[in-house]
């Protein structure tokens, strides 16, 4: 299996640095990193150049000019650029546990996409995470996180569940296996078959919409929220508006009602 992890980013080099530290620690090192960059400034380019110089990751930087929120467009451009046949999608604010890539490879199945989640860190803990904390694995330890000021929560089971317990929780969880942009994967061919991401979509549900079209095309979601673990770094969200939410909701309703599988404005319409 040729695997690439597609990481979206926009002007968040401090968070992207922590994420790339996480990918340098992967137990399975046979993968490509594709950074889908929605118009970041020179600071992000400089960071990526520094990581290329470390020579621990095989990085492809796919960038376009900043013309507002165009995440779906840069994702489609990244998909076109890669020659890998299996793609993991995540965000530039999600630090992967050391087995993240290995789990996605091991649990992949033809005719299915993998549906993962994340564990949210609060802002104080997000800001203190260091390369050493990631390399040691401490940042994925529930006790360590609480010592740093992360509130105790039942959601910490995502960090503590292993092996059989993790798989059992994935069977029992009431959460549906949906396509989640911060932690999902499938075959590139299955994404091409639905014309990739819908470029009419703005912030809010754009990942789910593609997953819904893939399910309409016959793919099944497979739950991995307790097996493939990443930590979400906190940040402000200034790109959502009532208008974009309403537009996206209308698109998704049409996809559901008409059982659409194809995005009119997607990869093959570029």
C-alpha atoms as a PDB file:
ATOM      1  CA  UNK A   1       0.000   0.000   0.000  1.00  0.00           C
ATOM      2  CA  UNK A   2       1.292   3.444  -0.977  1.00  0.00           C
ATOM      3  CA  UNK A   3      -0.083   5.832   1.658  1.00  0.00           C
ATOM      4  CA  UNK A   4      -0.107   9.606   1.921  1.00  0.00           C
ATOM      5  CA  UNK A   5      -1.392  11.728   4.779  1.00  0.00           C
ATOM      6  CA  UNK A   6      -3.035  14.966   3.603  1.00  0.00           C
ATOM      7  CA  UNK A   7      -2.700  17.754   6.189  1.00  0.00           C
ATOM      8  CA  UNK A   8      -4.674  20.969   5.719  1.00  0.00           C
ATOM      9  CA  UNK A   9      -3.238  24.228   7.012  1.00  0.00           C
ATOM     10  CA  UNK A  10      -3.696  27.989   6.890  1.00  0.00           C
ATOM     11  CA  UNK A  11      -1.332  30.426   8.630  1.00  0.00           C
ATOM     12  CA  UNK A  12      -0.811  28.286  11.741  1.00  0.00           C
ATOM     13  CA  UNK A  13       2.918  27.419  11.642  1.00  0.00           C
ATOM     14  CA  UNK A  14       3.250  26.927  15.405  1.00  0.00           C
ATOM     15  CA  UNK A  15       0.514  24.290  15.406  1.00  0.00           C
ATOM     16  CA  UNK A  16       1.740  22.718  12.141  1.00  0.00           C
ATOM     17  CA  UNK A  17       5.196  22.358  13.688  1.00  0.00           C
ATOM     18  CA  UNK A  18       3.770  20.267  16.528  1.00  0.00           C
ATOM     19  CA  UNK A  19       1.802  18.161  14.045  1.00  0.00           C
ATOM     20  CA  UNK A  20       4.877  17.449  11.919  1.00  0.00           C
ATOM     21  CA  UNK A  21       6.832  16.508  15.039  1.00  0.00           C
ATOM     22  CA  UNK A  22       4.140  13.888  15.563  1.00  0.00           C
ATOM     23  CA  UNK A  23       4.576  12.470  12.072  1.00  0.00           C
ATOM     24  CA  UNK A  24       8.333  12.266  12.597  1.00  0.00           C
ATOM     25  CA  UNK A  25       7.612   9.880  15.501  1.00  0.00           C
ATOM     26  CA  UNK A  26       5.466   7.384  13.550  1.00  0.00           C
ATOM     27  CA  UNK A  27       6.254   3.696  14.078  1.00  0.00           C
ATOM     28  CA  UNK A  28       5.456   3.092  10.397  1.00  0.00           C
ATOM     29  CA  UNK A  29       7.606   5.494   8.395  1.00  0.00           C
ATOM     30  CA  UNK A  30       6.526   4.411   4.906  1.00  0.00           C
ATOM     31  CA  UNK A  31       4.217   7.285   3.980  1.00  0.00           C
ATOM     32  CA  UNK A  32       4.173  10.625   2.199  1.00  0.00           C
ATOM     33  CA  UNK A  33       3.139  13.919   3.813  1.00  0.00           C
ATOM     34  CA  UNK A  34       1.092  16.257   1.633  1.00  0.00           C
ATOM     35  CA  UNK A  35       0.492  19.694   3.106  1.00  0.00           C
ATOM     36  CA  UNK A  36      -2.649  21.188   1.544  1.00  0.00           C
ATOM     37  CA  UNK A  37      -2.050  24.885   2.170  1.00  0.00           C
ATOM     38  CA  UNK A  38      -4.941  27.307   1.639  1.00  0.00           C
ATOM     39  CA  UNK A  39      -2.715  30.336   1.055  1.00  0.00           C
ATOM     40  CA  UNK A  40      -0.420  30.613   4.086  1.00  0.00           C
ATOM     41  CA  UNK A  41       2.320  33.252   4.259  1.00  0.00           C
ATOM     42  CA  UNK A  42       6.104  32.794   4.084  1.00  0.00           C
ATOM     43  CA  UNK A  43       6.305  31.657   7.724  1.00  0.00           C
ATOM     44  CA  UNK A  44       4.633  28.358   6.831  1.00  0.00           C
ATOM     45  CA  UNK A  45       6.905  27.894   3.799  1.00  0.00           C
ATOM     46  CA  UNK A  46       9.952  28.485   6.014  1.00  0.00           C
ATOM     47  CA  UNK A  47       8.716  25.922   8.515  1.00  0.00           C
ATOM     48  CA  UNK A  48       8.156  23.306   5.816  1.00  0.00           C
ATOM     49  CA  UNK A  49      11.620  23.976   4.367  1.00  0.00           C
ATOM     50  CA  UNK A  50      13.105  23.433   7.834  1.00  0.00           C
ATOM     51  CA  UNK A  51      11.343  20.070   8.159  1.00  0.00           C
ATOM     52  CA  UNK A  52      12.501  19.039   4.683  1.00  0.00           C
ATOM     53  CA  UNK A  53      16.054  19.813   5.793  1.00  0.00           C
ATOM     54  CA  UNK A  54      15.626  17.473   8.777  1.00  0.00           C
ATOM     55  CA  UNK A  55      15.106  14.722   6.170  1.00  0.00           C
ATOM     56  CA  UNK A  56      12.775  12.650   8.350  1.00  0.00           C
ATOM     57  CA  UNK A  57       9.609  13.131   6.295  1.00  0.00           C
ATOM     58  CA  UNK A  58       8.827  12.951   2.592  1.00  0.00           C
ATOM     59  CA  UNK A  59       6.908  16.243   2.229  1.00  0.00           C
ATOM     60  CA  UNK A  60       4.980  17.650  -0.725  1.00  0.00           C
ATOM     61  CA  UNK A  61       3.731  21.223  -0.202  1.00  0.00           C
ATOM     62  CA  UNK A  62       0.651  22.057  -2.309  1.00  0.00           C
ATOM     63  CA  UNK A  63      -0.143  25.793  -2.055  1.00  0.00           C
ATOM     64  CA  UNK A  64      -2.402  28.292  -3.741  1.00  0.00           C
ATOM     65  CA  UNK A  65      -2.869  32.030  -3.279  1.00  0.00           C
ATOM     66  CA  UNK A  66      -4.987  33.276  -0.380  1.00  0.00           C
ATOM     67  CA  UNK A  67      -8.343  34.256  -1.835  1.00  0.00           C
ATOM     68  CA  UNK A  68     -10.468  33.502   1.206  1.00  0.00           C
ATOM     69  CA  UNK A  69     -11.609  30.109   2.471  1.00  0.00           C
ATOM     70  CA  UNK A  70     -10.914  27.604  -0.329  1.00  0.00           C
ATOM     71  CA  UNK A  71     -10.187  24.459   1.646  1.00  0.00           C
ATOM     72  CA  UNK A  72     -12.099  22.186  -0.730  1.00  0.00           C
ATOM     73  CA  UNK A  73     -10.119  23.484  -3.689  1.00  0.00           C
ATOM     74  CA  UNK A  74      -6.700  22.961  -2.091  1.00  0.00           C
ATOM     75  CA  UNK A  75      -7.748  19.482  -0.953  1.00  0.00           C
ATOM     76  CA  UNK A  76      -8.701  18.541  -4.493  1.00  0.00           C
ATOM     77  CA  UNK A  77      -5.398  19.919  -5.778  1.00  0.00           C
ATOM     78  CA  UNK A  78      -3.534  17.829  -3.199  1.00  0.00           C
ATOM     79  CA  UNK A  79      -5.440  14.684  -4.177  1.00  0.00           C
ATOM     80  CA  UNK A  80      -4.518  15.214  -7.821  1.00  0.00           C
ATOM     81  CA  UNK A  81      -0.825  15.752  -6.981  1.00  0.00           C
ATOM     82  CA  UNK A  82      -0.245  12.535  -5.039  1.00  0.00           C
ATOM     83  CA  UNK A  83       0.555   9.195  -6.639  1.00  0.00           C
ATOM     84  CA  UNK A  84      -0.321   7.295  -3.448  1.00  0.00           C
ATOM     85  CA  UNK A  85      -3.314   4.961  -3.686  1.00  0.00           C
ATOM     86  CA  UNK A  86      -4.496   5.303  -0.074  1.00  0.00           C
ATOM     87  CA  UNK A  87      -5.091   8.687   1.573  1.00  0.00           C
ATOM     88  CA  UNK A  88      -5.406   9.704   5.226  1.00  0.00           C
ATOM     89  CA  UNK A  89      -6.935  13.143   5.822  1.00  0.00           C
ATOM     90  CA  UNK A  90      -6.249  15.289   8.864  1.00  0.00           C
ATOM     91  CA  UNK A  91      -5.727  18.910   9.891  1.00  0.00           C
ATOM     92  CA  UNK A  92      -2.702  21.005  10.741  1.00  0.00           C
ATOM     93  CA  UNK A  93      -3.851  21.279  14.355  1.00  0.00           C
ATOM     94  CA  UNK A  94      -4.045  17.519  15.070  1.00  0.00           C
ATOM     95  CA  UNK A  95      -1.006  15.763  16.568  1.00  0.00           C
ATOM     96  CA  UNK A  96      -0.949  12.026  15.698  1.00  0.00           C
ATOM     97  CA  UNK A  97      -0.030   9.318  18.176  1.00  0.00           C
ATOM     98  CA  UNK A  98       2.977   7.247  17.119  1.00  0.00           C
ATOM     99  CA  UNK A  99       0.797   4.399  15.809  1.00  0.00           C
ATOM    100  CA  UNK A 100      -1.551   6.667  13.818  1.00  0.00           C
ATOM    101  CA  UNK A 101      -0.326   5.704  10.338  1.00  0.00           C
ATOM    102  CA  UNK A 102       0.100   2.038  11.290  1.00  0.00           C
ATOM    103  CA  UNK A 103      -3.503   1.850  12.534  1.00  0.00           C
ATOM    104  CA  UNK A 104      -4.923   3.398   9.369  1.00  0.00           C
ATOM    105  CA  UNK A 105      -2.963   0.896   7.275  1.00  0.00           C
ATOM    106  CA  UNK A 106      -3.911  -2.100   9.407  1.00  0.00           C
ATOM    107  CA  UNK A 107      -7.637  -1.332   9.528  1.00  0.00           C
ATOM    108  CA  UNK A 108      -8.100  -0.269   5.895  1.00  0.00           C
ATOM    109  CA  UNK A 109     -10.548  -2.367   3.854  1.00  0.00           C
ATOM    110  CA  UNK A 110     -11.762  -2.295   0.250  1.00  0.00           C
ATOM    111  CA  UNK A 111     -15.238  -0.773   0.024  1.00  0.00           C
ATOM    112  CA  UNK A 112     -14.877   1.092   3.333  1.00  0.00           C
ATOM    113  CA  UNK A 113     -13.611   4.385   4.697  1.00  0.00           C
ATOM    114  CA  UNK A 114     -12.184   4.758   8.189  1.00  0.00           C
ATOM    115  CA  UNK A 115     -13.868   7.233  10.536  1.00  0.00           C
ATOM    116  CA  UNK A 116     -11.754   8.557  13.398  1.00  0.00           C
ATOM    117  CA  UNK A 117     -12.004  11.429  15.835  1.00  0.00           C
ATOM    118  CA  UNK A 118      -9.755  13.440  18.134  1.00  0.00           C
ATOM    119  CA  UNK A 119      -9.200  14.384  21.748  1.00  0.00           C
ATOM    120  CA  UNK A 120      -9.408  18.141  22.316  1.00  0.00           C
ATOM    121  CA  UNK A 121      -6.718  19.871  24.345  1.00  0.00           C
ATOM    122  CA  UNK A 122      -7.490  23.163  26.054  1.00  0.00           C
ATOM    123  CA  UNK A 123      -5.515  26.269  25.098  1.00  0.00           C
ATOM    124  CA  UNK A 124      -3.038  26.294  28.029  1.00  0.00           C
ATOM    125  CA  UNK A 125      -2.037  22.682  27.405  1.00  0.00           C
ATOM    126  CA  UNK A 126      -1.946  23.223  23.629  1.00  0.00           C
ATOM    127  CA  UNK A 127       0.550  26.039  24.076  1.00  0.00           C
ATOM    128  CA  UNK A 128       2.925  24.140  26.350  1.00  0.00           C
ATOM    129  CA  UNK A 129       3.281  20.958  24.243  1.00  0.00           C
ATOM    130  CA  UNK A 130       6.925  20.532  23.221  1.00  0.00           C
ATOM    131  CA  UNK A 131       8.785  18.295  20.788  1.00  0.00           C
ATOM    132  CA  UNK A 132      10.075  16.328  23.780  1.00  0.00           C
ATOM    133  CA  UNK A 133       6.520  15.743  25.060  1.00  0.00           C
ATOM    134  CA  UNK A 134       5.506  14.352  21.663  1.00  0.00           C
ATOM    135  CA  UNK A 135       8.639  12.233  21.203  1.00  0.00           C
ATOM    136  CA  UNK A 136       8.252  10.670  24.663  1.00  0.00           C
ATOM    137  CA  UNK A 137       4.528  10.054  24.168  1.00  0.00           C
ATOM    138  CA  UNK A 138       3.742  11.941  27.387  1.00  0.00           C
ATOM    139  CA  UNK A 139       1.261  14.199  25.599  1.00  0.00           C
ATOM    140  CA  UNK A 140      -0.923  11.134  24.923  1.00  0.00           C
ATOM    141  CA  UNK A 141      -0.913  10.079  28.588  1.00  0.00           C
ATOM    142  CA  UNK A 142      -4.125  11.005  30.409  1.00  0.00           C
ATOM    143  CA  UNK A 143      -2.412  11.415  33.781  1.00  0.00           C
ATOM    144  CA  UNK A 144       0.286  13.669  32.323  1.00  0.00           C
ATOM    145  CA  UNK A 145      -2.324  15.828  30.609  1.00  0.00           C
ATOM    146  CA  UNK A 146      -4.238  16.287  33.855  1.00  0.00           C
ATOM    147  CA  UNK A 147      -1.025  17.285  35.613  1.00  0.00           C
ATOM    148  CA  UNK A 148      -0.572  20.018  32.991  1.00  0.00           C
ATOM    149  CA  UNK A 149      -4.104  21.356  33.539  1.00  0.00           C
ATOM    150  CA  UNK A 150      -6.284  19.369  31.148  1.00  0.00           C
ATOM    151  CA  UNK A 151      -9.648  18.719  32.867  1.00  0.00           C
ATOM    152  CA  UNK A 152     -10.472  15.085  33.564  1.00  0.00           C
ATOM    153  CA  UNK A 153     -13.131  13.766  31.194  1.00  0.00           C
ATOM    154  CA  UNK A 154     -14.747  10.505  30.115  1.00  0.00           C
ATOM    155  CA  UNK A 155     -13.432  11.335  26.649  1.00  0.00           C
ATOM    156  CA  UNK A 156      -9.977  10.401  27.898  1.00  0.00           C
ATOM    157  CA  UNK A 157     -11.005   6.816  27.171  1.00  0.00           C
ATOM    158  CA  UNK A 158      -9.835   7.595  23.635  1.00  0.00           C
ATOM    159  CA  UNK A 159      -6.331   7.810  25.093  1.00  0.00           C
ATOM    160  CA  UNK A 160      -6.511   4.915  27.535  1.00  0.00           C
ATOM    161  CA  UNK A 161      -8.385   2.270  25.514  1.00  0.00           C
ATOM    162  CA  UNK A 162      -6.118  -0.206  23.740  1.00  0.00           C
ATOM    163  CA  UNK A 163      -6.486  -3.402  21.753  1.00  0.00           C
ATOM    164  CA  UNK A 164      -9.691  -5.349  22.409  1.00  0.00           C
ATOM    165  CA  UNK A 165     -11.157  -2.601  24.597  1.00  0.00           C
ATOM    166  CA  UNK A 166     -10.715  -0.024  21.845  1.00  0.00           C
ATOM    167  CA  UNK A 167     -12.371  -2.251  19.254  1.00  0.00           C
ATOM    168  CA  UNK A 168     -15.228  -3.048  21.654  1.00  0.00           C
ATOM    169  CA  UNK A 169     -15.860   0.647  22.309  1.00  0.00           C
ATOM    170  CA  UNK A 170     -15.955   1.242  18.558  1.00  0.00           C
ATOM    171  CA  UNK A 171     -18.639  -1.395  18.192  1.00  0.00           C
ATOM    172  CA  UNK A 172     -20.676  -0.028  21.103  1.00  0.00           C
ATOM    173  CA  UNK A 173     -20.386   3.712  20.416  1.00  0.00           C
ATOM    174  CA  UNK A 174     -23.638   5.380  19.302  1.00  0.00           C
ATOM    175  CA  UNK A 175     -21.615   7.808  17.159  1.00  0.00           C
ATOM    176  CA  UNK A 176     -22.070   7.129  13.455  1.00  0.00           C
ATOM    177  CA  UNK A 177     -19.045   6.392  11.282  1.00  0.00           C
ATOM    178  CA  UNK A 178     -18.977   9.592   9.211  1.00  0.00           C
ATOM    179  CA  UNK A 179     -16.203  11.144   7.130  1.00  0.00           C
ATOM    180  CA  UNK A 180     -14.380  13.454   9.553  1.00  0.00           C
ATOM    181  CA  UNK A 181     -11.768  15.724   8.027  1.00  0.00           C
ATOM    182  CA  UNK A 182      -9.404  15.589  10.986  1.00  0.00           C
ATOM    183  CA  UNK A 183      -9.092  11.783  10.974  1.00  0.00           C
ATOM    184  CA  UNK A 184     -10.463   9.708   8.102  1.00  0.00           C
ATOM    185  CA  UNK A 185      -9.021   7.640   5.268  1.00  0.00           C
ATOM    186  CA  UNK A 186      -9.906   5.681   2.166  1.00  0.00           C
ATOM    187  CA  UNK A 187      -8.643   4.724  -1.270  1.00  0.00           C
ATOM    188  CA  UNK A 188      -7.870   7.552  -3.680  1.00  0.00           C
ATOM    189  CA  UNK A 189      -9.951   5.789  -6.330  1.00  0.00           C
ATOM    190  CA  UNK A 190     -13.050   5.989  -4.114  1.00  0.00           C
ATOM    191  CA  UNK A 191     -12.583   9.750  -3.741  1.00  0.00           C
ATOM    192  CA  UNK A 192     -12.029  10.239  -7.474  1.00  0.00           C
ATOM    193  CA  UNK A 193     -15.197   8.210  -8.122  1.00  0.00           C
ATOM    194  CA  UNK A 194     -17.337  10.904  -6.425  1.00  0.00           C
ATOM    195  CA  UNK A 195     -15.297  13.787  -7.905  1.00  0.00           C
ATOM    196  CA  UNK A 196     -13.584  14.629  -4.630  1.00  0.00           C
ATOM    197  CA  UNK A 197     -14.566  17.536  -2.414  1.00  0.00           C
ATOM    198  CA  UNK A 198     -17.428  19.788  -3.477  1.00  0.00           C
ATOM    199  CA  UNK A 199     -15.830  23.155  -4.223  1.00  0.00           C
ATOM    200  CA  UNK A 200     -19.148  24.939  -3.661  1.00  0.00           C
ATOM    201  CA  UNK A 201     -18.833  24.115   0.050  1.00  0.00           C
ATOM    202  CA  UNK A 202     -17.512  26.626   2.581  1.00  0.00           C
ATOM    203  CA  UNK A 203     -16.652  26.028   6.240  1.00  0.00           C
ATOM    204  CA  UNK A 204     -19.070  23.718   8.032  1.00  0.00           C
ATOM    205  CA  UNK A 205     -19.791  20.157   6.956  1.00  0.00           C
ATOM    206  CA  UNK A 206     -17.638  20.071   3.824  1.00  0.00           C
ATOM    207  CA  UNK A 207     -15.940  16.838   4.905  1.00  0.00           C
ATOM    208  CA  UNK A 208     -19.188  15.147   5.893  1.00  0.00           C
ATOM    209  CA  UNK A 209     -20.713  16.039   2.515  1.00  0.00           C
ATOM    210  CA  UNK A 210     -18.055  14.113   0.598  1.00  0.00           C
ATOM    211  CA  UNK A 211     -18.484  11.179   2.943  1.00  0.00           C
ATOM    212  CA  UNK A 212     -22.222  11.218   2.366  1.00  0.00           C
ATOM    213  CA  UNK A 213     -21.685  11.037  -1.385  1.00  0.00           C
ATOM    214  CA  UNK A 214     -19.260   8.136  -0.924  1.00  0.00           C
ATOM    215  CA  UNK A 215     -21.852   6.312   1.172  1.00  0.00           C
ATOM    216  CA  UNK A 216     -24.465   6.963  -1.514  1.00  0.00           C
ATOM    217  CA  UNK A 217     -21.992   5.325  -3.926  1.00  0.00           C
ATOM    218  CA  UNK A 218     -21.862   2.198  -1.752  1.00  0.00           C
ATOM    219  CA  UNK A 219     -18.954   2.774   0.650  1.00  0.00           C
ATOM    220  CA  UNK A 220     -19.413   1.874   4.312  1.00  0.00           C
ATOM    221  CA  UNK A 221     -17.947   3.779   7.232  1.00  0.00           C
ATOM    222  CA  UNK A 222     -15.775   1.884   9.730  1.00  0.00           C
ATOM    223  CA  UNK A 223     -15.375   3.307  13.232  1.00  0.00           C
ATOM    224  CA  UNK A 224     -11.780   3.839  14.483  1.00  0.00           C
ATOM    225  CA  UNK A 225     -12.284   6.639  17.027  1.00  0.00           C
ATOM    226  CA  UNK A 226     -10.646   4.633  19.841  1.00  0.00           C
ATOM    227  CA  UNK A 227      -7.848   3.160  17.702  1.00  0.00           C
ATOM    228  CA  UNK A 228      -6.401   5.966  15.545  1.00  0.00           C
ATOM    229  CA  UNK A 229      -5.658   8.740  18.016  1.00  0.00           C
ATOM    230  CA  UNK A 230      -4.807  12.386  17.477  1.00  0.00           C
ATOM    231  CA  UNK A 231      -4.874  15.430  19.748  1.00  0.00           C
ATOM    232  CA  UNK A 232      -6.615  18.611  18.648  1.00  0.00           C
ATOM    233  CA  UNK A 233      -4.802  21.842  19.496  1.00  0.00           C
ATOM    234  CA  UNK A 234      -7.118  24.662  20.507  1.00  0.00           C
ATOM    235  CA  UNK A 235      -7.574  27.780  18.349  1.00  0.00           C
ATOM    236  CA  UNK A 236     -10.023  30.502  17.457  1.00  0.00           C
ATOM    237  CA  UNK A 237     -12.540  29.988  14.643  1.00  0.00           C
ATOM    238  CA  UNK A 238     -13.247  33.104  12.658  1.00  0.00           C
ATOM    239  CA  UNK A 239     -14.370  31.694   9.339  1.00  0.00           C
ATOM    240  CA  UNK A 240     -17.909  30.476  10.028  1.00  0.00           C
ATOM    241  CA  UNK A 241     -20.950  32.606   9.218  1.00  0.00           C
ATOM    242  CA  UNK A 242     -24.699  31.858   9.353  1.00  0.00           C
ATOM    243  CA  UNK A 243     -24.793  32.265   5.573  1.00  0.00           C
ATOM    244  CA  UNK A 244     -22.137  29.629   4.879  1.00  0.00           C
ATOM    245  CA  UNK A 245     -23.730  27.200   7.333  1.00  0.00           C
ATOM    246  CA  UNK A 246     -27.097  27.624   5.614  1.00  0.00           C
ATOM    247  CA  UNK A 247     -25.613  27.161   2.147  1.00  0.00           C
ATOM    248  CA  UNK A 248     -23.766  24.025   3.212  1.00  0.00           C
ATOM    249  CA  UNK A 249     -26.829  22.634   4.979  1.00  0.00           C
ATOM    250  CA  UNK A 250     -28.853  23.075   1.802  1.00  0.00           C
ATOM    251  CA  UNK A 251     -26.227  21.248  -0.270  1.00  0.00           C
ATOM    252  CA  UNK A 252     -26.089  18.353   2.167  1.00  0.00           C
ATOM    253  CA  UNK A 253     -29.886  18.071   2.271  1.00  0.00           C
ATOM    254  CA  UNK A 254     -29.927  17.760  -1.514  1.00  0.00           C
ATOM    255  CA  UNK A 255     -27.196  15.099  -1.418  1.00  0.00           C
ATOM    256  CA  UNK A 256     -29.259  13.106   1.069  1.00  0.00           C
ATOM    257  CA  UNK A 257     -32.624  13.578  -0.634  1.00  0.00           C
ATOM    258  CA  UNK A 258     -31.427  12.848  -4.169  1.00  0.00           C
ATOM    259  CA  UNK A 259     -28.781  10.291  -3.088  1.00  0.00           C
ATOM    260  CA  UNK A 260     -26.153  12.167  -5.065  1.00  0.00           C
ATOM    261  CA  UNK A 261     -22.722  10.619  -5.586  1.00  0.00           C
ATOM    262  CA  UNK A 262     -21.078  13.253  -7.797  1.00  0.00           C
ATOM    263  CA  UNK A 263     -19.948  16.814  -7.042  1.00  0.00           C
ATOM    264  CA  UNK A 264     -20.658  19.022 -10.047  1.00  0.00           C
ATOM    265  CA  UNK A 265     -17.741  21.232  -9.070  1.00  0.00           C
ATOM    266  CA  UNK A 266     -14.884  18.987  -8.013  1.00  0.00           C
ATOM    267  CA  UNK A 267     -11.645  17.365  -9.117  1.00  0.00           C
ATOM    268  CA  UNK A 268     -12.577  16.710 -12.743  1.00  0.00           C
ATOM    269  CA  UNK A 269     -13.966  20.203 -13.301  1.00  0.00           C
ATOM    270  CA  UNK A 270     -10.751  22.053 -12.545  1.00  0.00           C
END
